[in-house]
Protein backbone atom coordinates (compact mmCIF):
# COMPACT_ATOMS: atom_id res chain seq x y z
CA MET A 1 11.17 -38.86 24.76
CA ASN A 2 14.73 -38.56 23.43
CA GLU A 3 15.60 -35.01 22.33
CA SER A 4 16.63 -35.94 18.78
CA VAL A 5 13.45 -38.11 18.43
CA LEU A 6 11.24 -35.24 19.65
CA ILE A 7 12.85 -32.72 17.26
CA GLY A 8 12.63 -35.17 14.32
CA LYS A 9 9.00 -35.98 15.03
CA THR A 10 8.13 -32.26 15.25
CA GLU A 11 9.95 -31.42 11.99
CA ARG A 12 8.08 -34.21 10.11
CA PHE A 13 4.77 -32.97 11.53
CA LEU A 14 5.52 -29.33 10.44
CA ARG A 15 6.61 -30.57 6.95
CA LYS A 16 3.35 -32.46 6.61
CA ILE A 17 1.42 -29.22 7.52
CA GLY A 18 3.52 -27.21 4.98
CA ARG A 19 2.44 -29.54 2.15
CA LYS A 20 -1.23 -29.00 2.70
CA THR A 21 -3.00 -26.35 0.58
CA ILE A 22 -6.42 -25.11 1.42
CA ASP A 23 -8.89 -24.69 -1.49
CA ILE A 24 -10.43 -21.37 -0.44
CA PRO A 25 -13.35 -21.33 -2.87
CA VAL A 26 -14.48 -24.82 -1.74
CA LEU A 27 -14.80 -23.58 1.85
CA SER A 28 -18.43 -22.59 0.99
CA ASN A 29 -19.16 -26.40 0.94
CA ILE A 30 -20.17 -27.48 4.43
CA ASP A 31 -18.45 -30.83 4.39
CA TYR A 32 -15.06 -29.28 3.21
CA PHE A 33 -15.51 -26.40 5.72
CA ILE A 34 -15.98 -28.82 8.65
CA GLU A 35 -13.09 -30.99 7.40
CA ILE A 36 -10.65 -28.02 7.30
CA TYR A 37 -11.95 -26.60 10.59
CA THR A 38 -11.42 -29.98 12.22
CA TYR A 39 -7.99 -30.29 10.65
CA PHE A 40 -6.83 -26.98 12.08
CA LYS A 41 -8.27 -27.74 15.53
CA GLU A 42 -6.53 -31.05 15.73
CA ASN A 43 -3.31 -29.63 14.50
CA LEU A 44 -3.50 -26.83 17.15
CA SER A 45 -4.06 -29.34 19.89
CA GLN A 46 -1.06 -31.41 18.82
CA LEU A 47 1.14 -28.36 18.42
CA GLN A 48 0.25 -27.13 21.88
CA ASP A 49 1.16 -30.52 23.32
CA LEU A 50 4.47 -30.42 21.59
CA ARG A 51 5.14 -26.93 22.82
CA ASP A 52 4.26 -27.88 26.43
CA THR A 53 6.56 -30.92 26.22
CA MET A 54 9.51 -28.82 24.87
CA GLU A 55 9.03 -26.11 27.51
CA VAL A 56 9.09 -28.74 30.28
CA LYS A 57 12.34 -30.10 28.84
CA GLY A 58 13.98 -26.64 28.93
CA TYR A 59 13.72 -25.76 25.24
CA LYS A 60 12.59 -22.26 26.26
CA ALA A 61 16.06 -21.37 27.60
CA PRO A 62 18.48 -23.93 26.11
CA TYR A 63 21.60 -21.92 26.53
CA ARG A 64 21.28 -21.66 30.32
CA SER A 65 22.87 -25.08 30.93
CA ILE A 66 25.88 -24.13 28.70
CA VAL A 67 26.49 -21.02 30.74
CA LYS A 68 26.09 -22.85 33.99
CA TYR A 69 28.29 -25.79 33.11
CA GLY A 70 30.60 -24.04 30.69
CA ARG A 71 34.39 -24.34 30.44
CA PRO A 72 36.44 -24.51 33.65
CA SER A 73 38.59 -21.65 34.77
CA ALA A 74 42.05 -21.15 33.20
CA SER A 75 43.85 -22.44 36.25
CA GLU A 76 42.02 -25.83 36.11
CA MET A 77 42.36 -26.25 32.25
CA GLN A 78 45.08 -28.32 30.66
CA VAL A 79 46.38 -27.04 27.33
CA GLU A 80 45.72 -30.45 25.64
CA ASP A 81 42.14 -30.29 26.80
CA LEU A 82 41.39 -26.90 25.21
CA HIS A 83 40.51 -28.30 21.79
CA ASP A 84 38.18 -30.97 23.18
CA ILE A 85 36.43 -28.41 25.39
CA THR A 86 35.87 -26.01 22.49
CA ARG A 87 34.60 -28.85 20.23
CA HIS A 88 32.18 -30.09 22.92
CA THR A 89 30.97 -26.50 23.66
CA GLN A 90 30.34 -25.99 19.94
CA HIS A 91 28.37 -29.33 19.87
CA PHE A 92 26.21 -28.32 22.76
CA ARG A 93 25.61 -24.79 21.30
CA MET A 94 24.41 -26.40 18.06
CA LYS A 95 22.01 -28.66 20.00
CA ALA A 96 20.75 -25.71 22.01
CA ALA A 97 20.18 -23.71 18.82
CA ALA A 98 18.24 -26.60 17.30
CA LYS A 99 16.01 -26.72 20.44
CA LYS A 100 15.40 -22.98 20.34
CA ASN A 101 14.65 -22.95 16.57
CA ILE A 102 12.17 -25.91 16.67
CA LEU A 103 10.27 -24.28 19.65
CA ASP A 104 10.21 -20.97 17.75
CA ARG A 105 8.71 -22.72 14.71
CA ILE A 106 6.08 -24.47 16.91
CA LYS A 107 5.04 -21.11 18.43
CA SER A 108 4.79 -19.59 14.97
CA SER A 109 2.69 -22.49 13.71
CA ILE A 110 0.37 -22.18 16.75
CA ALA A 111 -0.11 -18.49 16.09
CA SER A 112 -0.93 -19.14 12.41
CA HIS A 113 -3.38 -21.89 13.28
CA LYS A 114 -5.18 -19.63 15.69
CA ILE A 115 -5.49 -16.96 13.00
CA ALA A 116 -6.82 -19.49 10.46
CA ILE A 117 -9.32 -20.93 13.00
CA GLY A 118 -10.45 -17.36 13.91
CA ASN A 119 -11.10 -16.51 10.24
CA LEU A 120 -13.19 -19.70 9.78
CA GLU A 121 -15.14 -19.03 12.94
CA GLU A 122 -15.85 -15.48 11.78
CA TYR A 123 -16.86 -16.67 8.32
CA GLY A 124 -19.16 -19.71 8.97
CA VAL A 125 -22.71 -19.81 10.31
CA ILE A 126 -24.03 -23.36 10.39
CA LYS A 127 -27.78 -23.66 10.73
CA CYS A 128 -29.75 -26.86 11.55
CA SER A 129 -32.75 -27.28 9.26
CA SER A 130 -34.68 -29.22 11.88
CA CYS A 131 -34.41 -27.17 15.08
CA GLN A 132 -33.26 -23.87 13.42
CA ASN A 133 -30.35 -23.71 15.90
CA GLU A 134 -27.35 -21.71 14.67
CA TYR A 135 -23.62 -22.35 15.34
CA GLN A 136 -20.90 -19.80 14.85
CA GLY A 137 -17.72 -18.62 16.51
CA HIS A 138 -16.57 -20.97 19.30
CA ASP A 139 -19.79 -22.93 19.01
CA LEU A 140 -18.59 -24.45 15.75
CA HIS A 141 -16.75 -27.17 17.66
CA ASN A 142 -20.16 -28.58 18.63
CA ILE A 143 -20.80 -29.73 15.02
CA ILE A 144 -17.43 -31.28 14.27
CA ALA A 145 -19.27 -34.67 14.27
CA ARG A 146 -21.55 -33.19 11.47
CA LYS A 147 -24.61 -33.49 13.68
CA CYS A 148 -26.65 -30.83 15.54
CA LEU A 149 -27.15 -31.27 19.29
CA CYS A 150 -30.69 -32.19 18.48
CA GLY A 151 -29.37 -35.23 16.60
CA SER A 152 -30.22 -34.01 13.06
CA ASP A 153 -27.57 -34.10 10.32
CA LYS A 154 -29.43 -31.58 8.10
CA LEU A 155 -26.97 -28.70 8.32
CA GLU A 156 -26.53 -25.63 6.09
CA LEU A 157 -23.54 -23.33 5.82
CA THR A 158 -23.94 -19.63 5.11
CA PRO A 159 -21.29 -16.84 5.22
CA ASN A 160 -21.60 -14.45 8.14
CA ILE A 161 -22.12 -11.11 6.50
CA LYS A 162 -21.41 -9.36 9.82
CA GLY A 163 -18.17 -11.30 10.49
CA VAL A 164 -14.68 -9.89 10.09
CA TYR A 165 -12.63 -12.41 8.10
CA ARG A 166 -10.29 -12.72 5.15
CA LEU A 167 -10.13 -16.37 4.15
CA ASP A 168 -7.60 -15.71 1.35
CA ILE A 169 -4.99 -15.03 3.96
CA ILE A 170 -4.93 -18.63 5.21
CA ASN A 171 -2.66 -20.01 2.47
CA PHE A 172 -0.21 -17.18 3.07
CA LEU A 173 0.21 -17.73 6.84
CA PRO A 174 3.33 -19.60 8.07
CA LEU A 175 1.20 -22.58 9.14
CA SER A 176 4.27 -24.87 9.26
CA GLY A 177 6.30 -22.30 11.28
CA ASP A 178 8.28 -21.30 8.14
CA TYR A 179 8.03 -17.59 8.74
CA MET A 180 11.70 -16.99 8.13
CA VAL A 181 11.40 -18.65 4.67
CA LYS A 182 8.34 -16.59 3.81
CA MET A 183 10.06 -13.32 4.96
CA SER A 184 13.04 -14.09 2.69
CA GLN A 185 10.70 -14.42 -0.30
CA LEU A 186 9.28 -10.85 0.13
CA SER A 187 10.22 -8.21 -2.37
CA PRO A 188 12.04 -5.10 -1.08
CA LEU A 189 8.77 -3.15 -0.92
CA GLY A 190 7.14 -6.16 0.66
CA ARG A 191 9.72 -6.18 3.43
CA GLU A 192 9.19 -2.49 4.04
CA SER A 193 5.46 -3.00 4.24
CA PHE A 194 6.00 -5.99 6.63
CA ARG A 195 8.06 -3.85 9.03
CA LYS A 196 5.42 -1.09 8.92
CA ILE A 197 2.62 -3.44 9.86
CA VAL A 198 4.68 -5.06 12.69
CA ARG A 199 5.35 -1.59 14.07
CA ILE A 200 1.59 -0.84 14.13
CA LEU A 201 0.76 -4.17 15.93
CA LYS A 202 3.65 -3.71 18.41
CA GLN A 203 2.53 -0.24 19.43
CA GLU A 204 2.55 -0.34 23.26
CA LYS A 205 0.04 1.01 25.73
CA ARG A 206 1.22 3.01 28.74
CA GLY A 207 0.41 0.24 31.17
CA SER A 208 -0.31 0.08 34.92
CA VAL A 209 2.49 -0.02 37.44
CA LYS A 210 3.66 -3.58 37.92
CA THR A 211 6.63 -3.18 40.30
CA LEU A 212 8.74 -0.39 41.79
CA SER A 213 12.53 -0.23 42.42
CA LEU A 214 13.47 2.04 45.34
CA VAL A 215 16.65 3.20 47.02
CA VAL A 216 15.86 3.70 50.72
CA ARG A 217 18.07 5.44 53.33
CA VAL A 218 17.67 3.87 56.75
CA PHE A 219 19.41 4.30 60.14
CA GLU A 220 20.92 0.99 61.26
CA ASP A 221 23.47 0.17 63.97
CA GLY A 222 24.27 3.83 64.59
CA ARG A 223 24.82 4.78 60.93
CA TRP A 224 22.92 5.65 57.77
CA VAL A 225 22.89 2.98 55.06
CA ARG A 226 21.25 2.69 51.67
CA LYS A 227 19.15 -0.36 50.65
CA ARG A 228 17.66 -1.41 47.35
CA VAL A 229 14.02 -2.40 47.75
CA ASN A 230 11.46 -3.90 45.26
CA LEU A 231 7.78 -3.53 45.82
CA ASP A 232 4.70 -4.75 43.95
CA GLY A 233 2.65 -1.94 42.33
CA ILE A 234 -0.58 -1.43 44.26
CA ASN A 235 -3.16 1.23 43.29
CA GLN A 236 -3.62 4.19 45.77
CA VAL A 237 -0.92 3.18 48.21
CA ASN A 238 1.38 5.57 50.09
CA TYR A 239 4.72 3.88 49.40
CA GLU A 240 6.57 6.17 51.86
CA LYS A 241 4.24 4.96 54.60
CA GLU A 242 4.84 1.34 53.71
CA ILE A 243 8.63 1.93 53.79
CA ARG A 244 8.49 3.51 57.21
CA LYS A 245 6.35 0.62 58.49
CA GLU A 246 9.10 -1.76 57.35
CA TYR A 247 12.27 0.21 58.18
CA GLY A 248 11.21 2.62 60.88
CA PRO A 249 10.13 6.25 61.11
CA ASP A 250 13.52 7.67 59.98
CA ALA A 251 13.51 5.80 56.65
CA ARG A 252 13.69 8.06 53.57
CA ILE A 253 13.08 7.27 49.83
CA GLU A 254 15.95 8.69 47.84
CA PHE A 255 15.08 7.12 44.43
CA MET A 256 11.95 5.55 42.99
CA GLN A 257 11.51 3.93 39.50
CA PHE A 258 8.17 2.54 38.18
CA HIS A 259 8.14 -0.56 36.04
CA ARG A 260 4.97 -0.66 33.95
CA SER A 261 3.36 -3.53 31.99
CA ARG A 262 3.24 -2.28 28.40
CA PRO A 263 0.91 -4.50 26.39
CA SER A 264 0.87 -4.13 22.57
CA ILE A 265 -2.15 -3.90 20.28
CA ILE A 266 -1.56 -7.65 19.57
CA ASN A 267 0.30 -8.92 22.54
CA ASP A 268 2.12 -11.90 20.90
CA LYS A 269 5.22 -11.44 18.67
CA HIS A 270 4.43 -14.67 16.68
CA VAL A 271 0.87 -13.50 15.97
CA GLN A 272 2.25 -10.10 14.92
CA THR A 273 4.67 -11.73 12.50
CA ALA A 274 2.14 -14.23 11.07
CA LEU A 275 -0.54 -11.53 10.50
CA SER A 276 1.94 -9.12 8.90
CA LEU A 277 3.25 -11.83 6.61
CA GLY A 278 -0.19 -12.99 5.66
CA TYR A 279 -1.47 -9.56 4.76
CA VAL A 280 1.69 -8.52 2.83
CA LYS A 281 1.85 -11.84 0.89
CA LEU A 282 -1.91 -11.51 0.15
CA ALA A 283 -1.51 -7.86 -1.08
CA GLU A 284 1.48 -8.97 -3.24
CA ASP A 285 -0.62 -11.73 -4.86
CA LYS A 286 -3.57 -9.45 -5.43
CA SER A 287 -1.26 -6.66 -6.78
CA ILE A 288 0.21 -8.99 -9.41
CA ALA A 289 -3.31 -10.01 -10.48
CA ILE A 290 -4.55 -6.40 -11.02
CA MET A 291 -1.30 -4.68 -12.02
CA ASP A 292 -2.11 -4.54 -15.76
CA SER A 293 -5.62 -3.15 -15.27
CA VAL A 294 -4.33 -0.55 -12.79
CA LEU A 295 -1.59 0.54 -15.17
CA ARG A 296 -4.03 0.83 -18.06
CA GLN A 297 -6.22 3.13 -15.90
CA TYR A 298 -3.40 5.52 -14.66
CA LEU A 299 -0.59 5.46 -17.34
CA LYS A 300 -0.69 7.46 -20.57
CA ASN A 301 0.89 4.73 -22.69
CA PRO A 302 1.11 1.36 -20.78
CA GLU A 303 2.18 -0.49 -23.97
CA LYS A 304 5.47 1.47 -24.02
CA ILE A 305 6.09 0.63 -20.34
CA LYS A 306 5.48 -3.06 -21.21
CA ILE A 307 8.07 -2.79 -24.05
CA TYR A 308 10.52 -1.02 -21.67
CA ASN A 309 10.17 -3.80 -19.03
CA GLU A 310 10.71 -6.51 -21.73
CA ALA A 311 13.90 -4.66 -22.86
CA LEU A 312 15.05 -4.46 -19.25
CA GLU A 313 14.59 -8.15 -18.69
CA LYS A 314 16.19 -9.07 -22.05
CA SER A 315 19.32 -6.97 -21.32
CA ARG A 316 19.65 -8.47 -17.87
CA ARG A 317 19.53 -12.05 -19.30
CA ASN A 318 21.99 -11.20 -22.07
CA SER A 319 24.46 -9.60 -19.64
CA LEU A 320 24.45 -12.75 -17.55
CA LYS A 321 25.01 -14.97 -20.61
CA MET A 322 28.15 -13.01 -21.50
CA GLY A 323 29.85 -14.12 -18.28
CA ASP A 324 31.31 -12.17 -15.39
CA PHE A 325 32.45 -8.62 -15.97
CA GLU A 326 34.05 -6.22 -13.56
CA ASP A 327 31.13 -3.82 -14.02
CA GLN A 328 28.10 -5.96 -14.81
CA MET A 329 25.68 -3.05 -14.30
CA THR A 330 27.48 -0.96 -16.94
CA LEU A 331 27.27 -3.78 -19.41
CA GLN A 332 23.57 -4.28 -18.77
CA ARG A 333 22.97 -0.52 -19.17
CA GLU A 334 24.71 -0.52 -22.55
CA LEU A 335 22.69 -3.52 -23.72
CA MET A 336 19.57 -1.81 -22.40
CA ASP A 337 20.26 1.33 -24.40
CA GLU A 338 20.78 -0.72 -27.57
CA GLU A 339 17.48 -2.50 -27.00
CA LEU A 340 15.61 0.73 -26.32
CA GLN A 341 17.02 2.33 -29.48
CA LYS A 342 15.78 -0.61 -31.54
CA LYS A 343 12.28 -0.23 -30.06
CA GLY A 344 12.34 3.53 -30.59
CA LEU A 345 12.07 4.50 -26.93
CA VAL A 346 15.26 6.62 -26.87
CA ASP A 347 16.54 9.25 -29.32
CA GLY A 348 19.95 9.42 -31.05
CA LYS A 349 21.44 11.12 -27.96
CA GLY A 350 20.25 8.27 -25.71
CA LYS A 351 17.47 10.38 -24.11
CA LEU A 352 14.45 8.50 -22.97
CA ASP A 353 11.04 9.30 -24.47
CA ARG A 354 9.32 11.90 -22.26
CA GLU A 355 6.04 10.03 -22.08
CA VAL A 356 7.90 6.87 -21.00
CA GLU A 357 9.94 8.80 -18.47
CA ALA A 358 6.72 10.33 -16.94
CA ASP A 359 4.94 6.87 -16.90
CA LEU A 360 7.94 5.21 -15.22
CA LYS A 361 7.82 7.76 -12.36
CA LEU A 362 4.03 7.23 -12.11
CA LYS A 363 4.52 3.44 -12.14
CA GLU A 364 6.95 3.68 -9.27
CA LYS A 365 4.28 5.47 -7.22
CA ILE A 366 1.69 2.92 -8.18
CA ASP A 367 4.01 0.04 -7.09
CA LYS A 368 4.55 1.70 -3.71
CA CYS A 369 0.79 2.26 -3.41
CA LEU A 370 0.08 -1.40 -4.12
CA LEU A 371 2.81 -2.96 -2.07
CA LEU A 372 3.08 -0.46 0.78
CA ASN A 373 -0.36 1.09 1.29
CA ILE A 374 -2.69 -1.75 0.32
CA PRO A 375 -1.62 -4.38 2.94
CA ARG A 376 -1.61 -1.66 5.66
CA THR A 377 -5.03 -0.42 4.63
CA LEU A 378 -6.50 -3.99 4.56
CA ILE A 379 -5.28 -5.00 8.06
CA THR A 380 -6.11 -1.51 9.48
CA TRP A 381 -9.62 -1.69 8.17
CA ASP A 382 -10.19 -5.22 9.39
CA ILE A 383 -9.10 -4.34 12.89
CA ILE A 384 -11.12 -1.13 12.88
CA LYS A 385 -14.15 -3.04 11.67
CA TYR A 386 -13.68 -5.62 14.38
CA TYR A 387 -13.56 -2.92 17.07
CA LEU A 388 -16.58 -1.14 15.65
CA THR A 389 -18.81 -4.27 15.30
CA THR A 390 -18.09 -5.99 18.66
CA SER A 391 -18.83 -5.06 22.20
CA TYR A 392 -16.07 -4.67 24.92
CA ASP A 393 -17.34 -7.85 26.70
CA HIS A 394 -17.17 -9.81 23.44
CA ARG A 395 -13.60 -8.68 22.79
CA THR A 396 -12.41 -9.68 26.31
CA LYS A 397 -13.56 -13.28 25.65
CA TYR A 398 -12.96 -13.73 21.94
CA SER A 399 -10.66 -12.00 19.49
CA GLY A 400 -11.80 -13.60 16.25
CA SER A 401 -9.31 -13.29 13.34
CA PHE A 402 -6.83 -11.42 15.56
CA PRO A 403 -5.64 -13.60 18.48
CA ASN A 404 -4.38 -11.66 21.46
CA LEU A 405 -5.94 -8.48 20.30
CA ARG A 406 -6.46 -5.95 23.17
CA PRO A 407 -10.11 -5.27 23.91
CA TYR A 408 -9.35 -1.55 24.36
CA LEU A 409 -6.66 0.86 22.97
CA ASP A 410 -5.20 4.00 24.48
CA ILE A 411 -4.78 7.25 22.62
CA ASN A 412 -1.20 6.48 21.49
CA GLN A 413 -2.17 3.12 20.17
CA MET A 414 -5.06 4.57 18.18
CA LYS A 415 -2.78 7.15 16.64
CA SER A 416 -0.51 4.39 15.32
CA PHE A 417 -3.18 3.61 12.79
CA GLU A 418 -2.22 5.90 9.91
CA ASN A 419 -5.09 7.51 8.02
CA PHE A 420 -6.11 5.79 4.79
CA HIS A 421 -4.37 6.56 1.45
CA LYS A 422 -7.04 7.86 -1.02
CA GLN A 423 -5.49 6.19 -4.07
CA ALA A 424 -5.20 2.90 -2.27
CA ILE A 425 -8.84 3.10 -1.33
CA ASN A 426 -9.83 3.78 -4.95
CA ILE A 427 -7.78 0.84 -6.25
CA LEU A 428 -9.26 -1.48 -3.64
CA LYS A 429 -12.84 -0.40 -4.55
CA ASN A 430 -12.42 -0.38 -8.35
CA HIS A 431 -10.16 -3.34 -8.88
CA LEU A 432 -10.60 -5.72 -5.90
CA ASN A 433 -14.25 -4.99 -5.05
CA GLU A 434 -13.34 -4.19 -1.45
CA ASN A 435 -16.07 -2.20 0.40
CA ILE A 436 -13.75 0.01 2.45
CA PRO A 437 -14.73 3.64 3.07
CA TYR A 438 -12.21 6.50 3.15
CA ILE A 439 -11.80 7.54 6.84
CA SER A 440 -10.00 10.81 7.34
CA ASP A 441 -9.47 10.43 11.13
CA ILE A 442 -9.17 6.82 12.41
CA SER A 443 -8.14 7.89 15.87
CA SER A 444 -11.37 9.95 16.43
CA LEU A 445 -13.48 7.13 15.08
CA LEU A 446 -12.12 4.61 17.60
CA THR A 447 -12.25 7.14 20.39
CA GLY A 448 -15.92 7.63 19.69
CA LYS A 449 -16.61 3.87 19.84
CA PHE A 450 -14.70 3.41 23.10
CA GLU A 451 -16.41 6.46 24.72
CA ILE A 452 -19.85 5.06 23.86
CA GLU A 453 -18.84 1.69 25.42
CA LYS A 454 -17.86 3.40 28.60
CA LYS A 455 -21.04 5.37 28.82
CA ILE A 456 -23.38 2.36 28.35
CA LYS A 457 -21.36 0.04 30.62
CA GLY A 458 -23.48 -1.13 33.58
CA LEU A 459 -26.67 0.51 32.23
CA HIS A 460 -28.09 -2.82 30.87
CA VAL A 461 -28.98 -1.12 27.60
CA LYS A 462 -29.62 -3.57 24.84
CA THR A 463 -27.71 -2.63 21.57
CA ASN A 464 -26.93 -4.08 18.25
CA PRO A 465 -23.06 -3.90 18.15
CA SER A 466 -22.85 -3.94 14.32
CA ALA A 467 -25.45 -1.18 14.06
CA VAL A 468 -23.65 0.83 16.76
CA GLY A 469 -20.44 0.55 14.69
CA ALA A 470 -22.25 1.71 11.56
CA ALA A 471 -23.85 4.63 13.48
CA ILE A 472 -20.41 5.76 14.74
CA LEU A 473 -19.03 5.46 11.15
CA ASN A 474 -21.91 7.69 10.04
CA SER A 475 -21.73 10.29 12.85
CA VAL A 476 -17.98 10.42 13.52
CA GLY A 477 -16.51 9.14 10.29
CA ASP A 478 -18.86 11.32 8.11
CA ILE A 479 -19.91 8.30 6.05
CA ASP A 480 -23.45 8.46 4.53
CA LEU A 481 -26.03 6.49 6.57
CA ASP A 482 -27.01 4.20 3.71
CA GLU A 483 -23.38 3.50 2.84
CA ALA A 484 -22.47 2.73 6.49
CA ALA A 485 -25.43 0.35 6.74
CA GLN A 486 -24.40 -1.37 3.53
CA ILE A 487 -20.79 -1.82 4.66
CA PHE A 488 -21.91 -3.74 7.66
CA GLY A 489 -24.74 -5.63 5.92
CA LEU A 490 -27.49 -3.81 7.83
CA ASN A 491 -30.75 -2.08 7.17
CA PRO A 492 -30.50 1.71 7.38
CA GLU A 493 -33.35 1.76 9.92
CA GLU A 494 -31.28 -0.49 12.30
CA VAL A 495 -28.45 2.01 12.12
CA LYS A 496 -30.80 5.01 12.61
CA THR A 497 -32.21 3.38 15.75
CA GLU A 498 -28.76 2.90 17.32
CA ARG A 499 -27.73 6.44 16.24
CA ASP A 500 -30.77 7.83 18.15
CA LYS A 501 -29.83 5.74 21.22
CA ILE A 502 -26.21 7.06 21.06
CA GLU A 503 -27.45 10.63 21.03
CA THR A 504 -29.31 10.07 24.31
CA PHE A 505 -25.94 9.17 25.97
CA GLN A 506 -24.35 12.45 25.02
CA LYS A 507 -23.80 15.42 27.34
CA PRO A 508 -27.07 16.29 29.20
CA SER A 509 -28.95 19.50 28.30
CA SER A 510 -28.67 22.54 30.57
CA ARG A 511 -32.13 21.84 32.10
CA ALA A 512 -31.21 18.19 32.75
CA GLN A 513 -27.94 19.37 34.31
CA GLN A 514 -29.86 21.72 36.67
CA PHE A 515 -32.19 18.86 37.70
CA LEU A 516 -29.23 16.61 38.47
CA GLU A 517 -27.70 19.38 40.56
CA MET A 518 -30.95 19.75 42.48
CA ILE A 519 -31.26 16.12 43.43
CA LYS A 520 -27.67 15.79 44.60
């Protein structure tokens, strides 16, 4: 396919995706749910085909050909040809930029579709009324034809109370690959929040040794020479012995550098960007909806703040109507002072009302809490909840709402999750009905979960992953047993059973230790 035709076809397809809006409340209807799930799956398949085609055609590194076949050397160049060469080079650079940008948008769209599909798979449980068979997760693709494998079309959709999903995020994802546009629409606090979340998701693990670079001193042709050598990283190998095998017994290693693979918490930059954008845009939308009720709860006189904001907006509009001035801000400030005096919010000396001044400082803190802490709290809790309620084996095969999520985190990655902000938790509970507990030490909580997984690995012990997560939340996170059970949609008895099992995996008693020593 011609390059311009391929790019044009892709742009039309992405624009078509961008025009589609998902009606989130209607997703509880099984027909609409299957329709949207099928729509995303078909889009993903088509996007992946386009990506593969573009990568085969060299869109992944489009500037390479320009470097290889760039302008000739100065000795070969004629002065009259310089303009033509520059113009042609610019033309090819523009084409290369178009290729790189369209492939970048395709990859962003693929990441967003994977997130959307993951949320739908975590949300929906479809049950056949005839054979009582249930479909959820990856199994949902089996009922795209709206029929159970038994042949019955009597299907019912129920939300998965144990799933980790946030359907409201779907409409805020860059599904059409327009992540740059969505980033430009963020408020200053929104951009700061976006950067913070990306930093969390990019936190790297100290990985295993992938390759080594060595400088080796060897004796050749009667003299000592230095050689640069690259080796693959292999566990428990004596590299000096390997070098002497290759270059003789006199070979010496003078320098050795390890190159490690450093996987992130979410090991895909497009997924990191899409998730961060989705959570920040969702938090901004929710913050606007609850702003008035939050201010009424925390401010002494929210009505005065409302009058102050109206005066600020009016002075800004009036200053713009008066035309361009050398110091537009000074003009706006003068108009603002006049407006505030009319409203009685400043005295004759131009000093702001003390109550208003105190409320403005408090409002600034509330704005930061809503736009900085709430998106970080939401995504942190969702990731923690996913780790707590799933087994290691499950996470290695399926990452749900978080594509490319690592199944296990090291201590540095766990520390990247900042502890929850108490005021943000209170706002989420009281104004957004979010069931998120206050966790004082997130790192210890995740460490406890991973330690339990290591202990039960290979023991063939049957556990309830959700109840194990609730039990750890109770024992390590100091959350009441009933509250922990309610957060994960469980019966307290289920949690107590798993907590008792966990206690049996702890350090053996002194008598048990003596017995183990005797049978060694």
